[in-house]
Every structure is written in structure tokens, then in C-alpha cells.
C-alpha atoms as a PDB file:
ATOM      1  CA  UNK A   1     107.157  91.507  96.266  1.00  0.00           C
ATOM      2  CA  UNK A   2     103.720  89.710  95.904  1.00  0.00           C
ATOM      3  CA  UNK A   3     101.382  90.225  93.247  1.00  0.00           C
ATOM      4  CA  UNK A   4      97.760  91.552  93.648  1.00  0.00           C
ATOM      5  CA  UNK A   5      96.498  88.139  92.723  1.00  0.00           C
ATOM      6  CA  UNK A   6      98.562  86.469  95.435  1.00  0.00           C
ATOM      7  CA  UNK A   7      97.210  89.146  98.049  1.00  0.00           C
ATOM      8  CA  UNK A   8      93.707  88.474  96.919  1.00  0.00           C
ATOM      9  CA  UNK A   9      94.278  84.676  97.131  1.00  0.00           C
ATOM     10  CA  UNK A  10      95.760  85.032 100.577  1.00  0.00           C
ATOM     11  CA  UNK A  11      92.641  87.017 101.688  1.00  0.00           C
ATOM     12  CA  UNK A  12      90.281  84.547 100.390  1.00  0.00           C
ATOM     13  CA  UNK A  13      91.730  81.917 102.429  1.00  0.00           C
ATOM     14  CA  UNK A  14      91.151  83.830 105.735  1.00  0.00           C
ATOM     15  CA  UNK A  15      87.865  83.881 107.571  1.00  0.00           C
ATOM     16  CA  UNK A  16      88.868  86.227 110.322  1.00  0.00           C
ATOM     17  CA  UNK A  17      89.064  89.747 109.469  1.00  0.00           C
ATOM     18  CA  UNK A  18      91.759  90.223 112.406  1.00  0.00           C
ATOM     19  CA  UNK A  19      93.997  87.957 110.362  1.00  0.00           C
ATOM     20  CA  UNK A  20      93.427  90.021 107.145  1.00  0.00           C
ATOM     21  CA  UNK A  21      94.291  93.328 109.350  1.00  0.00           C
ATOM     22  CA  UNK A  22      97.520  91.518 110.365  1.00  0.00           C
ATOM     23  CA  UNK A  23      98.274  90.793 106.546  1.00  0.00           C
ATOM     24  CA  UNK A  24      97.470  94.406 105.711  1.00  0.00           C
ATOM     25  CA  UNK A  25      99.822  95.636 108.465  1.00  0.00           C
ATOM     26  CA  UNK A  26     102.495  93.216 107.187  1.00  0.00           C
ATOM     27  CA  UNK A  27     102.023  94.492 103.589  1.00  0.00           C
ATOM     28  CA  UNK A  28     102.690  97.954 104.955  1.00  0.00           C
ATOM     29  CA  UNK A  29     106.309  96.670 105.703  1.00  0.00           C
ATOM     30  CA  UNK A  30     107.018  96.008 102.042  1.00  0.00           C
ATOM     31  CA  UNK A  31     106.791  99.715 100.997  1.00  0.00           C
ATOM     32  CA  UNK A  32     110.224 101.225 100.547  1.00  0.00           C
ATOM     33  CA  UNK A  33     111.125 103.604 103.261  1.00  0.00           C
ATOM     34  CA  UNK A  34     110.006 107.222 102.654  1.00  0.00           C
ATOM     35  CA  UNK A  35     112.745 109.649 103.858  1.00  0.00           C
ATOM     36  CA  UNK A  36     111.720 111.875 106.628  1.00  0.00           C
ATOM     37  CA  UNK A  37     112.532 115.060 104.457  1.00  0.00           C
ATOM     38  CA  UNK A  38     109.405 113.829 102.098  1.00  0.00           C
ATOM     39  CA  UNK A  39     106.995 113.831 104.942  1.00  0.00           C
ATOM     40  CA  UNK A  40     106.014 117.405 103.862  1.00  0.00           C
ATOM     41  CA  UNK A  41     102.439 118.976 103.901  1.00  0.00           C
ATOM     42  CA  UNK A  42     102.593 119.368  99.948  1.00  0.00           C
ATOM     43  CA  UNK A  43     102.750 115.619  99.648  1.00  0.00           C
ATOM     44  CA  UNK A  44      99.798 114.961 101.979  1.00  0.00           C
ATOM     45  CA  UNK A  45      96.895 113.212 100.276  1.00  0.00           C
ATOM     46  CA  UNK A  46      93.663 115.223 100.958  1.00  0.00           C
ATOM     47  CA  UNK A  47      90.722 113.114 102.058  1.00  0.00           C
ATOM     48  CA  UNK A  48      92.697 110.841 104.363  1.00  0.00           C
ATOM     49  CA  UNK A  49      91.971 110.895 108.075  1.00  0.00           C
ATOM     50  CA  UNK A  50      95.571 109.455 108.808  1.00  0.00           C
ATOM     51  CA  UNK A  51      98.574 111.338 107.327  1.00  0.00           C
ATOM     52  CA  UNK A  52      99.372 109.810 103.732  1.00  0.00           C
ATOM     53  CA  UNK A  53     102.375 111.111 101.990  1.00  0.00           C
ATOM     54  CA  UNK A  54     102.361 110.353  98.292  1.00  0.00           C
ATOM     55  CA  UNK A  55     104.898 111.360  95.692  1.00  0.00           C
ATOM     56  CA  UNK A  56     103.872 110.199  92.321  1.00  0.00           C
ATOM     57  CA  UNK A  57     106.403 110.225  89.325  1.00  0.00           C
ATOM     58  CA  UNK A  58     106.493 109.094  85.688  1.00  0.00           C
ATOM     59  CA  UNK A  59     109.724 107.556  84.367  1.00  0.00           C
ATOM     60  CA  UNK A  60     110.063 106.275  80.845  1.00  0.00           C
ATOM     61  CA  UNK A  61     106.306 106.173  80.478  1.00  0.00           C
ATOM     62  CA  UNK A  62     105.886 104.219  83.742  1.00  0.00           C
ATOM     63  CA  UNK A  63     104.142 105.294  86.845  1.00  0.00           C
ATOM     64  CA  UNK A  64     105.972 105.086  89.921  1.00  0.00           C
ATOM     65  CA  UNK A  65     105.438 106.507  93.502  1.00  0.00           C
ATOM     66  CA  UNK A  66     106.847 106.702  96.952  1.00  0.00           C
ATOM     67  CA  UNK A  67     104.380 106.902  99.932  1.00  0.00           C
ATOM     68  CA  UNK A  68     103.974 106.401 103.498  1.00  0.00           C
ATOM     69  CA  UNK A  69     101.442 106.688 106.366  1.00  0.00           C
ATOM     70  CA  UNK A  70     101.419 107.356 110.011  1.00  0.00           C
ATOM     71  CA  UNK A  71      98.883 104.527 110.681  1.00  0.00           C
ATOM     72  CA  UNK A  72      99.830 100.867 110.253  1.00  0.00           C
ATOM     73  CA  UNK A  73      96.560  99.644 108.436  1.00  0.00           C
ATOM     74  CA  UNK A  74      96.572 102.674 105.943  1.00  0.00           C
ATOM     75  CA  UNK A  75     100.241 101.916 105.212  1.00  0.00           C
ATOM     76  CA  UNK A  76      99.031  98.559 104.290  1.00  0.00           C
ATOM     77  CA  UNK A  77      96.495  99.962 101.935  1.00  0.00           C
ATOM     78  CA  UNK A  78      99.064 102.090 100.485  1.00  0.00           C
ATOM     79  CA  UNK A  79     101.099  99.029  99.905  1.00  0.00           C
ATOM     80  CA  UNK A  80      98.182  97.321  98.054  1.00  0.00           C
ATOM     81  CA  UNK A  81      98.079 100.355  95.735  1.00  0.00           C
ATOM     82  CA  UNK A  82     101.885 100.172  95.307  1.00  0.00           C
ATOM     83  CA  UNK A  83     101.619  96.448  94.325  1.00  0.00           C
ATOM     84  CA  UNK A  84      98.777  97.272  91.827  1.00  0.00           C
ATOM     85  CA  UNK A  85     100.285 100.607  90.219  1.00  0.00           C
ATOM     86  CA  UNK A  86     103.851 100.786  90.814  1.00  0.00           C
ATOM     87  CA  UNK A  87     105.789 100.634  87.535  1.00  0.00           C
ATOM     88  CA  UNK A  88     102.801 100.081  85.145  1.00  0.00           C
ATOM     89  CA  UNK A  89     102.619 101.987  82.041  1.00  0.00           C
ATOM     90  CA  UNK A  90     100.990 105.312  82.358  1.00  0.00           C
ATOM     91  CA  UNK A  91      98.607 104.347  79.705  1.00  0.00           C
ATOM     92  CA  UNK A  92      97.298 101.332  81.621  1.00  0.00           C
ATOM     93  CA  UNK A  93      96.364 103.442  84.845  1.00  0.00           C
ATOM     94  CA  UNK A  94      92.771 104.079  83.922  1.00  0.00           C
ATOM     95  CA  UNK A  95      92.105 100.442  82.959  1.00  0.00           C
ATOM     96  CA  UNK A  96      92.812  99.166  86.277  1.00  0.00           C
ATOM     97  CA  UNK A  97      89.412  98.226  88.172  1.00  0.00           C
ATOM     98  CA  UNK A  98      90.305  99.146  91.627  1.00  0.00           C
ATOM     99  CA  UNK A  99      87.023  98.945  92.897  1.00  0.00           C
ATOM    100  CA  UNK A 100      86.886  95.282  91.881  1.00  0.00           C
ATOM    101  CA  UNK A 101      90.073  94.562  93.613  1.00  0.00           C
ATOM    102  CA  UNK A 102      88.798  96.565  96.657  1.00  0.00           C
ATOM    103  CA  UNK A 103      85.761  94.239  96.571  1.00  0.00           C
ATOM    104  CA  UNK A 104      87.733  90.988  96.031  1.00  0.00           C
ATOM    105  CA  UNK A 105      89.888  91.821  99.116  1.00  0.00           C
ATOM    106  CA  UNK A 106      86.734  92.411 101.204  1.00  0.00           C
ATOM    107  CA  UNK A 107      87.808  95.930 101.918  1.00  0.00           C
ATOM    108  CA  UNK A 108      84.397  97.344 100.759  1.00  0.00           C
ATOM    109  CA  UNK A 109      82.783  95.545 103.708  1.00  0.00           C
ATOM    110  CA  UNK A 110      85.293  95.810 106.533  1.00  0.00           C
ATOM    111  CA  UNK A 111      86.899  99.187 106.351  1.00  0.00           C
ATOM    112  CA  UNK A 112      85.449 102.228 108.104  1.00  0.00           C
ATOM    113  CA  UNK A 113      83.923 104.836 105.758  1.00  0.00           C
ATOM    114  CA  UNK A 114      86.946 107.087 106.658  1.00  0.00           C
ATOM    115  CA  UNK A 115      89.460 104.639 105.639  1.00  0.00           C
ATOM    116  CA  UNK A 116      87.602 103.697 102.369  1.00  0.00           C
ATOM    117  CA  UNK A 117      87.263 107.514 101.529  1.00  0.00           C
ATOM    118  CA  UNK A 118      91.046 107.957 102.252  1.00  0.00           C
ATOM    119  CA  UNK A 119      91.847 104.788 100.029  1.00  0.00           C
ATOM    120  CA  UNK A 120      89.953 106.244  97.087  1.00  0.00           C
ATOM    121  CA  UNK A 121      91.384 109.608  97.584  1.00  0.00           C
ATOM    122  CA  UNK A 122      94.897 107.979  96.862  1.00  0.00           C
ATOM    123  CA  UNK A 123      93.309 106.113  94.040  1.00  0.00           C
ATOM    124  CA  UNK A 124      92.107 109.378  92.555  1.00  0.00           C
ATOM    125  CA  UNK A 125      95.550 110.969  92.944  1.00  0.00           C
ATOM    126  CA  UNK A 126      97.014 107.939  90.999  1.00  0.00           C
ATOM    127  CA  UNK A 127      94.453 108.041  88.361  1.00  0.00           C
ATOM    128  CA  UNK A 128      94.973 111.655  87.693  1.00  0.00           C
ATOM    129  CA  UNK A 129      98.421 110.639  85.952  1.00  0.00           C
ATOM    130  CA  UNK A 130      96.539 108.360  83.695  1.00  0.00           C
ATOM    131  CA  UNK A 131      94.420 111.165  82.262  1.00  0.00           C
ATOM    132  CA  UNK A 132      95.526 112.449  78.811  1.00  0.00           C
ATOM    133  CA  UNK A 133      97.196 116.045  79.049  1.00  0.00           C
END
């Protein structure tokens, strides 16, 4: 599994957005398979144009999640979030500057508004787990 720093570095080396989209699509392939039984409406992320299923969990103080999307590029965006957030301490969730990472990847300039909104809907779902109870 690549680190977010490695992903940012590889994106910085590419001039063409078609190449970056291909990398995003390839990143989507690293997500663990989500069983069909979890492709249920209750796990759909609201605010996403594509279907995104996300099942967050906390185990031993660490945040984990399973997720999938019916769109290849969106699945790649889910994978970026997976690399950033999966298995980090719950107490660290709110300190992650996703907007900065989003900008370093150039996604702020090259994603459609709908995909951008969907991405940040997923981030909000994750960040809700970092809020004090």
C-alpha cells in the first residue's frame, strides 16, 4: 500500500491529467473488496452523485473503514481517503488537513464540482468519527 506522500509525489511528476486519472483508477484497485451484501442503501454516502458505500468503524481506538463506489474515478478518490485515514488513531482524524492534500494532488482544479462535493461528503462522514462524544 502506498503512502499519501508517495501518491502526491507521483501526481507531481505527471503533467497530463489523463495520466493522473489513470493513477486514480489504479488506486481504486487497492481497496479491499466490499462484499455485495454491504452494498446497501444504509451505507450510501449522501452528497455523492455516484454511488459510494462506506462502512466506518473504530477498533482499539483506531479508525477503519470499508468502502466501494460504482464509478472508477470515485473509487480512486475513496482509495485516497483510505490511504489517508484507514487505521489512524481516532484522535488524529480532525488534525488531518484533507484540503491541503486535495490541493497538492491538484484535485481542487481538475475534478468536477459534483465529484468534489462527493469527496468532501465522504470526508465529513469520516471526520464525524473524530468528534468528541
